[in-house]
Amino acid sequence: MVGDFKNLLSKLIWLSWSDCPSELNATNLCLKKLAVLKLSGSKITEDWAGWEPCLVSENLKVIQITSCESLKRTPDFSKCSNLKRLVVAGCTTSLVVAGSLFELEHLKYLEITSRGDQLRENCDPFVLSGPKSLSTLKIGRMAVQELHQSVEEMKGLKYLSTVGCRFPRTLPDCIGKLKSLLVLKLENMEITELPSSIGNLKRLEILYLNRTAIKELPRAIGMLENLKELSARFCQNLERDIPSEIGGLSFLR
């Protein structure tokens, strides 16, 4: 796409762009009022010329990037200081997550998932962290080097999902510091055990452990007084009996 936009889009608030051109040579493309940006089904890369005019608005609240298979690294979001919702889904299995993403102080919802059912063995692992403001964190089919200690500072986190991620075999004790957590999904992962600190998640209502390598359910699960759903289907390494403490969970369905 080539041309002079003559600032005709200076008042545009919502931009939903499917199959946008990977080559963009536009002048006077002003998007300073943009609040919602949705890009899908494109061959854009991290060097796409459209990032600069699209990611400068302090009004930008929502960014959704889906099925952009040539995108190997998330762009620089540092100027999107008031961003509240960010989704990067269905892109390459070797996606590199830029550090600026974790500096967004007002971000409430963060979802990063790669495409396909199989995680490539050679993709670079990253440290799972996030802004303190997050209430929802979904990471899918990514290589996670570690759950960073700073996760415990996400005092308002209510939903955490790491489905299909390549992950350390044990979760750190800091998971028990997420006192506001309502939903925890650790499905289709190679984790072998849960820390006893999981019993500190007093508000937890849903715990999914399906298709993990977990060997036993810790007795600490019996301390999850508000737990309504517990699922550990297709856990082939689960050998020991279900702890009797779980029988005392009055809300469990």
Protein backbone atom coordinates (compact mmCIF):
# COMPACT_ATOMS: atom_id res chain seq x y z
CA MET A 1 0.00 0.00 0.00
CA VAL A 2 1.45 3.32 -1.11
CA GLY A 3 0.08 6.84 -0.78
CA ASP A 4 -0.46 10.04 1.16
CA PHE A 5 -3.29 9.72 3.69
CA LYS A 6 -3.21 13.49 4.33
CA ASN A 7 -4.18 12.84 7.98
CA LEU A 8 -7.67 11.77 6.86
CA LEU A 9 -7.77 9.09 9.59
CA SER A 10 -6.77 11.38 12.46
CA LYS A 11 -10.13 10.81 14.22
CA LEU A 12 -10.31 7.05 13.64
CA ILE A 13 -11.08 5.18 16.87
CA TRP A 14 -11.48 1.54 15.73
CA LEU A 15 -9.36 -0.18 13.08
CA SER A 16 -10.08 -3.81 12.14
CA TRP A 17 -7.77 -4.84 9.29
CA SER A 18 -7.78 -8.33 7.79
CA ASP A 19 -5.08 -9.41 5.33
CA CYS A 20 -3.33 -6.06 5.58
CA PRO A 21 -0.38 -5.63 3.19
CA SER A 22 3.05 -6.61 4.45
CA GLU A 23 4.53 -3.74 2.46
CA LEU A 24 3.25 -0.37 3.63
CA ASN A 25 4.64 2.92 2.35
CA ALA A 26 2.13 5.43 3.63
CA THR A 27 2.77 9.06 4.51
CA ASN A 28 0.76 11.27 6.87
CA LEU A 29 -0.97 8.24 8.39
CA CYS A 30 -2.12 9.71 11.69
CA LEU A 31 -3.87 7.34 14.12
CA LYS A 32 -3.45 9.22 17.39
CA LYS A 33 -7.11 8.73 18.39
CA LEU A 34 -7.04 4.97 17.84
CA ALA A 35 -8.54 2.99 20.75
CA VAL A 36 -8.99 -0.48 19.21
CA LEU A 37 -6.60 -2.18 16.78
CA LYS A 38 -7.35 -5.62 15.30
CA LEU A 39 -5.03 -7.21 12.75
CA SER A 40 -5.62 -10.70 11.33
CA GLY A 41 -4.61 -13.10 8.59
CA SER A 42 -1.63 -11.09 7.41
CA LYS A 43 2.02 -11.71 6.55
CA ILE A 44 3.22 -8.71 8.52
CA THR A 45 6.46 -9.06 10.50
CA GLU A 46 7.97 -7.28 13.49
CA ASP A 47 9.52 -4.81 11.02
CA TRP A 48 6.19 -3.86 9.42
CA ALA A 49 6.03 -0.13 8.66
CA GLY A 50 2.49 0.07 10.03
CA TRP A 51 3.52 -0.51 13.63
CA GLU A 52 4.85 3.01 14.11
CA PRO A 53 1.64 4.90 13.23
CA CYS A 54 -0.57 2.26 14.90
CA LEU A 55 1.22 1.98 18.24
CA VAL A 56 1.68 5.61 19.24
CA SER A 57 -1.77 6.39 20.63
CA GLU A 58 -2.13 6.87 24.37
CA ASN A 59 -5.84 6.22 23.77
CA LEU A 60 -5.15 2.66 22.56
CA LYS A 61 -7.00 0.26 24.89
CA VAL A 62 -7.26 -2.97 22.86
CA ILE A 63 -4.80 -4.71 20.54
CA GLN A 64 -5.66 -8.04 18.93
CA ILE A 65 -3.21 -9.72 16.53
CA THR A 66 -4.37 -13.09 15.20
CA SER A 67 -3.16 -15.58 12.58
CA CYS A 68 -0.21 -13.46 11.48
CA GLU A 69 2.11 -16.39 10.86
CA SER A 70 5.13 -14.35 9.74
CA LEU A 71 5.28 -12.44 13.02
CA LYS A 72 8.25 -13.88 14.91
CA ARG A 73 8.55 -11.22 17.59
CA THR A 74 5.97 -9.05 19.28
CA PRO A 75 6.33 -5.36 18.35
CA ASP A 76 7.31 -2.61 20.77
CA PHE A 77 4.27 -1.73 22.91
CA SER A 78 6.09 0.76 25.16
CA LYS A 79 4.17 3.78 23.80
CA CYS A 80 0.77 2.15 24.41
CA SER A 81 0.84 3.25 28.03
CA ASN A 82 -2.92 2.88 28.64
CA LEU A 83 -3.41 -0.50 26.96
CA LYS A 84 -5.86 -2.72 28.85
CA ARG A 85 -6.30 -5.78 26.63
CA LEU A 86 -3.66 -7.48 24.46
CA VAL A 87 -4.12 -10.67 22.42
CA VAL A 88 -1.44 -12.22 20.21
CA ALA A 89 -2.87 -15.54 19.02
CA GLY A 90 -2.36 -18.09 16.29
CA CYS A 91 1.01 -16.75 15.20
CA THR A 92 4.28 -18.65 14.80
CA THR A 93 5.29 -21.39 17.26
CA SER A 94 8.67 -19.67 17.69
CA LEU A 95 7.24 -16.28 18.71
CA VAL A 96 9.63 -14.18 20.79
CA VAL A 97 7.95 -12.02 23.43
CA ALA A 98 9.42 -8.51 23.65
CA GLY A 99 10.21 -7.18 27.11
CA SER A 100 8.15 -4.01 26.61
CA LEU A 101 5.01 -6.11 26.85
CA PHE A 102 5.57 -6.69 30.57
CA GLU A 103 5.90 -2.97 31.32
CA LEU A 104 2.29 -2.03 30.51
CA GLU A 105 1.07 -0.80 33.89
CA HIS A 106 -2.65 -0.70 33.05
CA LEU A 107 -2.92 -4.03 31.24
CA LYS A 108 -5.77 -6.21 32.57
CA TYR A 109 -5.97 -9.01 29.99
CA LEU A 110 -2.97 -10.68 28.34
CA GLU A 111 -3.21 -13.65 25.98
CA ILE A 112 -0.30 -15.10 24.00
CA THR A 113 -0.82 -18.37 22.14
CA SER A 114 1.05 -19.90 19.23
CA ARG A 115 -0.63 -21.73 16.36
CA GLY A 116 -0.82 -25.51 15.97
CA ASP A 117 -1.02 -28.32 18.47
CA GLN A 118 2.70 -29.04 18.70
CA LEU A 119 5.30 -26.81 20.31
CA ARG A 120 8.48 -26.67 18.28
CA GLU A 121 11.49 -27.99 20.17
CA ASN A 122 13.78 -25.18 19.05
CA CYS A 123 11.65 -22.23 20.10
CA ASP A 124 13.20 -19.85 22.60
CA PRO A 125 11.84 -20.07 26.15
CA PHE A 126 10.82 -16.91 27.96
CA VAL A 127 10.33 -16.00 31.59
CA LEU A 128 6.64 -15.90 32.44
CA SER A 129 5.91 -12.64 34.16
CA GLY A 130 3.54 -9.75 33.63
CA PRO A 131 2.32 -6.36 34.82
CA LYS A 132 1.02 -6.18 38.38
CA SER A 133 -2.31 -4.91 37.02
CA LEU A 134 -3.26 -8.17 35.24
CA SER A 135 -6.52 -9.93 36.09
CA THR A 136 -6.29 -12.52 33.26
CA LEU A 137 -3.14 -14.20 31.94
CA LYS A 138 -3.40 -16.85 29.21
CA ILE A 139 -0.27 -18.40 27.73
CA GLY A 140 -0.76 -21.28 25.29
CA ARG A 141 1.69 -23.59 23.52
CA MET A 142 4.71 -21.48 24.41
CA ALA A 143 8.09 -22.42 25.87
CA VAL A 144 8.23 -21.03 29.39
CA GLN A 145 11.65 -21.01 31.03
CA GLU A 146 10.29 -20.26 34.47
CA LEU A 147 7.43 -18.73 36.39
CA HIS A 148 9.16 -15.57 37.60
CA GLN A 149 9.05 -14.70 41.29
CA SER A 150 7.45 -11.36 40.36
CA VAL A 151 4.24 -13.24 39.51
CA GLU A 152 3.37 -13.09 43.20
CA GLU A 153 3.01 -9.31 42.84
CA MET A 154 -0.02 -9.76 40.57
CA LYS A 155 -2.36 -9.34 43.52
CA GLY A 156 -5.44 -8.98 41.32
CA LEU A 157 -4.83 -11.99 39.03
CA LYS A 158 -8.02 -14.05 38.82
CA TYR A 159 -7.45 -16.27 35.80
CA LEU A 160 -4.19 -18.07 34.96
CA SER A 161 -3.89 -20.54 32.07
CA THR A 162 -0.70 -22.11 30.69
CA VAL A 163 -2.32 -24.84 28.57
CA GLY A 164 0.08 -26.72 26.30
CA CYS A 165 3.19 -24.86 27.41
CA ARG A 166 6.61 -26.42 27.76
CA PHE A 167 7.27 -25.66 31.37
CA PRO A 168 9.55 -26.64 34.28
CA ARG A 169 8.33 -29.90 35.82
CA THR A 170 7.48 -28.26 39.13
CA LEU A 171 5.69 -25.03 39.91
CA PRO A 172 7.44 -22.59 42.27
CA ASP A 173 6.00 -21.87 45.70
CA CYS A 174 5.18 -18.31 44.63
CA ILE A 175 2.05 -19.66 42.90
CA GLY A 176 0.51 -19.72 46.39
CA LYS A 177 0.82 -15.93 46.64
CA LEU A 178 -1.90 -15.38 44.02
CA LYS A 179 -4.61 -14.93 46.64
CA SER A 180 -7.20 -13.53 44.19
CA LEU A 181 -6.95 -16.47 41.77
CA LEU A 182 -10.29 -18.04 40.81
CA VAL A 183 -9.27 -20.21 37.83
CA LEU A 184 -6.01 -22.15 37.34
CA LYS A 185 -5.54 -24.22 34.16
CA LEU A 186 -2.33 -26.24 33.83
CA GLU A 187 -3.50 -28.71 31.17
CA ASN A 188 -1.44 -30.64 28.62
CA MET A 189 1.88 -29.92 30.32
CA GLU A 190 4.77 -31.96 31.70
CA ILE A 191 4.55 -30.78 35.30
CA THR A 192 4.96 -33.66 37.75
CA GLU A 193 3.86 -32.09 41.01
CA LEU A 194 2.13 -29.15 42.63
CA PRO A 195 3.69 -27.24 45.53
CA SER A 196 1.97 -27.42 48.91
CA SER A 197 1.57 -23.63 48.72
CA ILE A 198 -1.33 -24.21 46.33
CA GLY A 199 -3.42 -24.66 49.47
CA ASN A 200 -3.12 -20.91 50.05
CA LEU A 201 -5.36 -20.15 47.06
CA LYS A 202 -8.45 -19.86 49.25
CA ARG A 203 -10.58 -18.22 46.54
CA LEU A 204 -9.77 -20.78 43.83
CA GLU A 205 -12.91 -22.23 42.23
CA ILE A 206 -11.57 -24.13 39.21
CA LEU A 207 -8.41 -26.29 38.95
CA TYR A 208 -7.68 -28.18 35.71
CA LEU A 209 -4.75 -30.62 35.55
CA ASN A 210 -5.83 -32.69 32.53
CA ARG A 211 -3.12 -34.45 30.50
CA THR A 212 -0.27 -33.52 32.83
CA ALA A 213 2.52 -35.76 34.19
CA ILE A 214 1.45 -35.16 37.77
CA LYS A 215 2.08 -38.14 40.05
CA GLU A 216 -0.15 -37.29 42.97
CA LEU A 217 -2.64 -34.73 44.19
CA PRO A 218 -1.24 -32.89 47.21
CA ARG A 219 -3.21 -32.95 50.44
CA ALA A 220 -3.10 -29.15 50.35
CA ILE A 221 -5.89 -29.23 47.75
CA GLY A 222 -8.17 -30.00 50.68
CA MET A 223 -7.54 -26.45 51.90
CA LEU A 224 -9.16 -24.91 48.79
CA GLU A 225 -12.42 -24.21 50.58
CA ASN A 226 -14.14 -22.57 47.58
CA LEU A 227 -13.11 -25.16 44.97
CA LYS A 228 -16.02 -26.11 42.70
CA GLU A 229 -14.31 -27.97 39.86
CA LEU A 230 -11.26 -30.27 39.99
CA SER A 231 -10.30 -32.16 36.82
CA ALA A 232 -7.29 -34.46 36.39
CA ARG A 233 -8.33 -36.57 33.41
CA PHE A 234 -5.84 -38.52 31.29
CA CYS A 235 -3.04 -38.11 33.86
CA GLN A 236 -1.28 -41.41 33.17
CA ASN A 237 1.34 -40.94 35.90
CA LEU A 238 -1.20 -40.34 38.63
CA GLU A 239 -0.66 -43.33 40.91
CA ARG A 240 -1.61 -42.54 44.48
CA ASP A 241 -5.10 -42.44 45.91
CA ILE A 242 -7.06 -39.22 46.04
CA PRO A 243 -6.34 -37.51 49.39
CA SER A 244 -9.18 -37.89 51.87
CA GLU A 245 -9.00 -34.15 52.57
CA ILE A 246 -10.61 -33.46 49.19
CA GLY A 247 -13.79 -35.11 50.48
CA GLY A 248 -14.27 -32.19 52.84
CA LEU A 249 -14.62 -29.61 50.05
CA SER A 250 -18.30 -28.72 50.36
CA PHE A 251 -18.59 -26.77 47.08
CA LEU A 252 -16.89 -29.40 44.88
CA ARG A 253 -19.17 -30.59 42.10
